[in-house]
């Protein structure tokens, strides 16, 4: 047999080819990723809910143009306050807790 014949090339390709994956592997792997994503999302939502419980009001500033005369502008920085509704806080805490618990209890 000559070096580099098609039989040798085929044998080398067969030996180095990866083993065929179990068809269930793709499904199991995607379920594992979804489980991890749900757990991470649940923890993030729960932590965000805790931050909102500790600090329910947020202050920010807006800049408004009061007058413009030719190239001269008069602006005013106005402080504003935003308060997170209690229902949103409860929704963050409950949804985060539910997602974290359910994703940790799912079978993989």
N, C-alpha and C. Protein backbone atom coordinates (compact mmCIF):
# COMPACT_ATOMS: atom_id res chain seq x y z
N UNK A 1 0.84 -1.17 0.00
CA UNK A 1 0.00 0.00 0.00
C UNK A 1 0.89 1.24 0.00
N UNK A 2 0.61 2.20 -0.83
CA UNK A 2 1.43 3.40 -0.94
C UNK A 2 1.12 4.34 0.21
N UNK A 3 2.15 5.08 0.60
CA UNK A 3 1.97 6.04 1.69
C UNK A 3 0.98 7.11 1.27
N UNK A 4 0.04 7.39 2.13
CA UNK A 4 -0.94 8.42 1.82
C UNK A 4 -2.08 7.93 0.96
N UNK A 5 -2.25 6.63 0.87
CA UNK A 5 -3.35 6.12 0.07
C UNK A 5 -4.68 6.48 0.72
N UNK A 6 -5.73 6.31 -0.04
CA UNK A 6 -7.03 6.72 0.47
C UNK A 6 -7.48 5.86 1.65
N UNK A 7 -7.01 4.58 1.70
CA UNK A 7 -7.37 3.72 2.83
C UNK A 7 -6.73 4.22 4.12
N UNK A 8 -5.46 4.64 4.03
CA UNK A 8 -4.78 5.14 5.23
C UNK A 8 -5.40 6.45 5.70
N UNK A 9 -5.73 7.31 4.77
CA UNK A 9 -6.34 8.60 5.12
C UNK A 9 -7.70 8.36 5.78
N UNK A 10 -8.47 7.43 5.24
CA UNK A 10 -9.77 7.11 5.82
C UNK A 10 -9.61 6.53 7.21
N UNK A 11 -8.60 5.66 7.40
CA UNK A 11 -8.38 5.06 8.72
C UNK A 11 -7.99 6.13 9.74
N UNK A 12 -7.11 7.05 9.34
CA UNK A 12 -6.71 8.12 10.25
C UNK A 12 -7.89 9.03 10.60
N UNK A 13 -8.71 9.36 9.61
CA UNK A 13 -9.88 10.20 9.87
C UNK A 13 -10.86 9.49 10.78
N UNK A 14 -11.01 8.18 10.61
CA UNK A 14 -11.94 7.42 11.46
C UNK A 14 -11.45 7.39 12.89
N UNK A 15 -10.14 7.22 13.08
CA UNK A 15 -9.59 7.16 14.44
C UNK A 15 -9.66 8.50 15.15
N UNK A 16 -9.52 9.59 14.41
CA UNK A 16 -9.52 10.91 15.05
C UNK A 16 -10.90 11.54 15.10
N UNK A 17 -11.88 10.90 14.51
CA UNK A 17 -13.24 11.45 14.51
C UNK A 17 -13.82 11.37 15.92
N UNK A 18 -14.56 12.40 16.33
CA UNK A 18 -15.17 12.34 17.67
C UNK A 18 -16.27 11.29 17.70
N UNK A 19 -16.48 10.78 18.88
CA UNK A 19 -17.54 9.80 19.06
C UNK A 19 -18.89 10.47 18.86
N UNK A 20 -19.86 9.78 18.29
CA UNK A 20 -21.18 10.39 18.13
C UNK A 20 -21.80 10.63 19.50
N UNK A 21 -22.42 11.79 19.62
CA UNK A 21 -23.02 12.16 20.89
C UNK A 21 -24.36 11.47 21.07
N UNK A 22 -24.67 11.22 22.30
CA UNK A 22 -25.97 10.67 22.63
C UNK A 22 -27.02 11.72 22.28
N UNK A 23 -28.10 11.35 21.58
CA UNK A 23 -29.11 12.35 21.21
C UNK A 23 -29.71 13.06 22.42
N UNK A 24 -29.74 12.40 23.55
CA UNK A 24 -30.28 13.01 24.75
C UNK A 24 -29.34 14.08 25.31
N UNK A 25 -28.08 14.02 24.95
CA UNK A 25 -27.10 14.95 25.51
C UNK A 25 -27.45 16.39 25.19
N UNK A 26 -27.87 16.66 23.96
CA UNK A 26 -28.23 18.03 23.59
C UNK A 26 -29.38 18.54 24.45
N UNK A 27 -30.38 17.70 24.65
CA UNK A 27 -31.53 18.10 25.45
C UNK A 27 -31.13 18.30 26.91
N UNK A 28 -30.34 17.36 27.43
CA UNK A 28 -29.92 17.45 28.83
C UNK A 28 -29.05 18.68 29.06
N UNK A 29 -28.16 18.96 28.10
CA UNK A 29 -27.27 20.11 28.22
C UNK A 29 -28.08 21.41 28.18
N UNK A 30 -29.06 21.50 27.29
CA UNK A 30 -29.85 22.73 27.22
C UNK A 30 -30.71 22.89 28.48
N UNK A 31 -31.20 21.79 29.04
CA UNK A 31 -31.95 21.89 30.30
C UNK A 31 -31.05 22.35 31.44
N UNK A 32 -29.82 21.86 31.45
CA UNK A 32 -28.87 22.29 32.48
C UNK A 32 -28.58 23.78 32.36
N UNK A 33 -28.41 24.26 31.13
CA UNK A 33 -28.18 25.69 30.93
C UNK A 33 -29.39 26.52 31.35
N UNK A 34 -30.60 26.04 31.02
CA UNK A 34 -31.80 26.76 31.43
C UNK A 34 -31.94 26.78 32.95
N UNK A 35 -31.58 25.68 33.59
CA UNK A 35 -31.65 25.60 35.05
C UNK A 35 -30.69 26.61 35.68
N UNK A 36 -29.47 26.66 35.15
CA UNK A 36 -28.49 27.63 35.68
C UNK A 36 -28.94 29.06 35.43
N UNK A 37 -29.46 29.32 34.23
CA UNK A 37 -29.92 30.67 33.91
C UNK A 37 -31.07 31.08 34.83
N UNK A 38 -32.00 30.17 35.08
CA UNK A 38 -33.12 30.48 35.98
C UNK A 38 -32.62 30.74 37.39
N UNK A 39 -31.64 29.97 37.84
CA UNK A 39 -31.09 30.18 39.18
C UNK A 39 -30.40 31.53 39.28
N UNK A 40 -29.60 31.87 38.30
CA UNK A 40 -28.88 33.15 38.31
C UNK A 40 -29.88 34.30 38.23
N UNK A 41 -30.89 34.19 37.37
CA UNK A 41 -31.89 35.25 37.26
C UNK A 41 -32.67 35.39 38.56
N UNK A 42 -33.00 34.27 39.20
CA UNK A 42 -33.71 34.33 40.47
C UNK A 42 -32.91 35.02 41.55
N UNK A 43 -31.62 34.71 41.63
CA UNK A 43 -30.77 35.34 42.64
C UNK A 43 -30.63 36.84 42.36
N UNK A 44 -30.46 37.21 41.09
CA UNK A 44 -30.33 38.63 40.74
C UNK A 44 -31.62 39.39 41.08
N UNK A 45 -32.77 38.82 40.73
CA UNK A 45 -34.03 39.48 41.06
C UNK A 45 -34.23 39.62 42.57
N UNK A 46 -33.87 38.58 43.31
CA UNK A 46 -34.02 38.63 44.76
C UNK A 46 -33.09 39.69 45.36
N UNK A 47 -31.85 39.75 44.90
CA UNK A 47 -30.92 40.77 45.40
C UNK A 47 -31.39 42.17 45.03
N UNK A 48 -31.93 42.33 43.84
CA UNK A 48 -32.47 43.63 43.44
C UNK A 48 -33.64 44.01 44.33
N UNK A 49 -34.47 43.04 44.70
CA UNK A 49 -35.58 43.30 45.62
C UNK A 49 -35.08 43.74 46.98
N UNK A 50 -34.00 43.12 47.46
CA UNK A 50 -33.43 43.51 48.76
C UNK A 50 -32.89 44.94 48.69
N UNK A 51 -32.24 45.29 47.58
CA UNK A 51 -31.73 46.66 47.41
C UNK A 51 -32.88 47.66 47.44
N UNK A 52 -33.99 47.32 46.81
CA UNK A 52 -35.14 48.22 46.78
C UNK A 52 -35.79 48.32 48.17
N UNK A 53 -35.77 47.24 48.94
CA UNK A 53 -36.32 47.31 50.30
C UNK A 53 -35.45 48.23 51.16
N UNK A 54 -34.15 48.14 51.01
CA UNK A 54 -33.24 48.96 51.81
C UNK A 54 -33.27 50.42 51.38
N UNK A 55 -33.36 50.66 50.07
CA UNK A 55 -33.32 52.03 49.55
C UNK A 55 -34.46 52.22 48.55
N UNK A 56 -35.69 52.50 49.04
CA UNK A 56 -36.85 52.54 48.14
C UNK A 56 -36.98 53.82 47.30
N UNK A 57 -36.25 54.87 47.63
CA UNK A 57 -36.34 56.11 46.85
C UNK A 57 -35.00 56.39 46.18
N UNK A 58 -35.09 56.86 44.96
CA UNK A 58 -33.89 57.22 44.20
C UNK A 58 -34.03 58.65 43.74
N UNK A 59 -32.94 59.39 43.87
CA UNK A 59 -32.94 60.79 43.45
C UNK A 59 -32.09 60.94 42.19
N UNK A 60 -32.56 61.79 41.30
CA UNK A 60 -31.80 62.10 40.10
C UNK A 60 -32.05 63.55 39.74
N UNK A 61 -31.27 64.08 38.84
CA UNK A 61 -31.39 65.49 38.46
C UNK A 61 -31.69 65.59 36.97
N UNK A 62 -32.50 66.58 36.65
CA UNK A 62 -32.76 66.89 35.25
C UNK A 62 -32.34 68.33 34.99
N UNK A 63 -31.88 68.55 33.79
CA UNK A 63 -31.46 69.90 33.41
C UNK A 63 -32.47 70.44 32.42
N UNK A 64 -33.08 71.54 32.78
CA UNK A 64 -34.09 72.17 31.92
C UNK A 64 -33.59 73.52 31.44
N UNK A 65 -33.89 73.78 30.17
CA UNK A 65 -33.54 75.09 29.62
C UNK A 65 -34.69 76.03 29.93
N UNK A 66 -34.38 77.09 30.66
CA UNK A 66 -35.39 78.04 31.09
C UNK A 66 -35.56 79.15 30.06
N UNK A 67 -34.45 79.64 29.55
CA UNK A 67 -34.52 80.74 28.59
C UNK A 67 -33.35 80.64 27.62
N UNK A 68 -33.60 81.16 26.43
CA UNK A 68 -32.54 81.22 25.43
C UNK A 68 -32.68 82.55 24.70
N UNK A 69 -31.63 83.34 24.86
CA UNK A 69 -31.60 84.64 24.19
C UNK A 69 -30.36 84.66 23.33
N UNK A 70 -30.55 84.47 22.04
CA UNK A 70 -29.42 84.41 21.12
C UNK A 70 -28.55 83.22 21.47
N UNK A 71 -27.24 83.44 21.61
CA UNK A 71 -26.35 82.32 21.94
C UNK A 71 -26.31 82.01 23.45
N UNK A 72 -26.99 82.81 24.25
CA UNK A 72 -26.94 82.63 25.70
C UNK A 72 -28.14 81.78 26.13
N UNK A 73 -27.85 80.74 26.94
CA UNK A 73 -28.91 79.88 27.46
C UNK A 73 -28.90 79.90 28.98
N UNK A 74 -30.08 79.83 29.56
CA UNK A 74 -30.20 79.72 31.01
C UNK A 74 -30.80 78.35 31.32
N UNK A 75 -30.08 77.58 32.12
CA UNK A 75 -30.57 76.24 32.48
C UNK A 75 -30.68 76.12 33.99
N UNK A 76 -31.55 75.21 34.40
CA UNK A 76 -31.77 74.96 35.82
C UNK A 76 -31.65 73.46 36.05
N UNK A 77 -30.86 73.08 37.07
CA UNK A 77 -30.79 71.67 37.48
C UNK A 77 -31.88 71.45 38.52
N UNK A 78 -32.80 70.55 38.19
CA UNK A 78 -33.92 70.30 39.07
C UNK A 78 -33.82 68.89 39.66
N UNK A 79 -33.74 68.78 40.98
CA UNK A 79 -33.70 67.44 41.58
C UNK A 79 -35.08 66.79 41.56
N UNK A 80 -35.11 65.51 41.24
CA UNK A 80 -36.37 64.77 41.23
C UNK A 80 -36.17 63.49 42.02
N UNK A 81 -37.27 62.98 42.56
CA UNK A 81 -37.24 61.77 43.37
C UNK A 81 -38.17 60.74 42.77
N UNK A 82 -37.71 59.50 42.72
CA UNK A 82 -38.52 58.38 42.24
C UNK A 82 -38.63 57.37 43.36
N UNK A 83 -39.86 56.98 43.66
CA UNK A 83 -40.08 55.98 44.69
C UNK A 83 -40.60 54.70 44.04
N UNK A 84 -39.95 53.58 44.36
CA UNK A 84 -40.35 52.28 43.81
C UNK A 84 -41.60 51.83 44.55
N UNK A 85 -42.64 51.46 43.81
CA UNK A 85 -43.88 51.02 44.47
C UNK A 85 -43.66 49.74 45.28
N UNK A 86 -44.42 49.61 46.36
CA UNK A 86 -44.29 48.44 47.23
C UNK A 86 -44.64 47.16 46.49
N UNK A 87 -45.60 47.22 45.57
CA UNK A 87 -45.98 46.03 44.81
C UNK A 87 -44.82 45.54 43.94
N UNK A 88 -44.06 46.47 43.37
CA UNK A 88 -42.90 46.09 42.56
C UNK A 88 -41.83 45.44 43.42
N UNK A 89 -41.65 45.95 44.62
CA UNK A 89 -40.68 45.36 45.55
C UNK A 89 -41.07 43.94 45.91
N UNK A 90 -42.33 43.74 46.24
CA UNK A 90 -42.80 42.40 46.59
C UNK A 90 -42.68 41.47 45.38
N UNK A 91 -43.00 41.97 44.20
CA UNK A 91 -42.91 41.15 42.98
C UNK A 91 -41.47 40.72 42.72
N UNK A 92 -40.51 41.63 42.92
CA UNK A 92 -39.10 41.28 42.74
C UNK A 92 -38.67 40.20 43.72
N UNK A 93 -39.02 40.38 44.98
CA UNK A 93 -38.61 39.41 45.99
C UNK A 93 -39.24 38.04 45.76
N UNK A 94 -40.54 38.02 45.51
CA UNK A 94 -41.24 36.74 45.34
C UNK A 94 -40.79 36.03 44.07
N UNK A 95 -40.71 36.76 42.95
CA UNK A 95 -40.31 36.10 41.70
C UNK A 95 -38.87 35.61 41.78
N UNK A 96 -37.99 36.36 42.40
CA UNK A 96 -36.61 35.91 42.56
C UNK A 96 -36.52 34.67 43.42
N UNK A 97 -37.26 34.66 44.51
CA UNK A 97 -37.24 33.51 45.41
C UNK A 97 -37.83 32.27 44.72
N UNK A 98 -38.94 32.45 44.03
CA UNK A 98 -39.58 31.32 43.34
C UNK A 98 -38.67 30.75 42.26
N UNK A 99 -38.06 31.63 41.45
CA UNK A 99 -37.15 31.15 40.41
C UNK A 99 -35.96 30.41 40.98
N UNK A 100 -35.38 30.93 42.05
CA UNK A 100 -34.22 30.27 42.65
C UNK A 100 -34.59 28.91 43.24
N UNK A 101 -35.71 28.83 43.93
CA UNK A 101 -36.11 27.58 44.57
C UNK A 101 -36.52 26.54 43.52
N UNK A 102 -37.32 26.95 42.54
CA UNK A 102 -37.79 26.02 41.53
C UNK A 102 -36.62 25.50 40.69
N UNK A 103 -35.70 26.37 40.33
CA UNK A 103 -34.57 25.93 39.50
C UNK A 103 -33.63 25.01 40.28
N UNK A 104 -33.54 25.20 41.59
CA UNK A 104 -32.67 24.31 42.36
C UNK A 104 -33.33 22.95 42.60
N UNK A 105 -34.67 22.90 42.55
CA UNK A 105 -35.39 21.64 42.78
C UNK A 105 -35.60 20.84 41.49
N UNK A 106 -35.37 21.47 40.33
CA UNK A 106 -35.57 20.76 39.05
C UNK A 106 -34.60 19.60 38.92
N UNK A 107 -35.08 18.51 38.34
CA UNK A 107 -34.21 17.37 38.07
C UNK A 107 -33.41 17.65 36.82
N UNK A 108 -32.15 17.23 36.85
CA UNK A 108 -31.32 17.49 35.67
C UNK A 108 -31.16 16.24 34.85
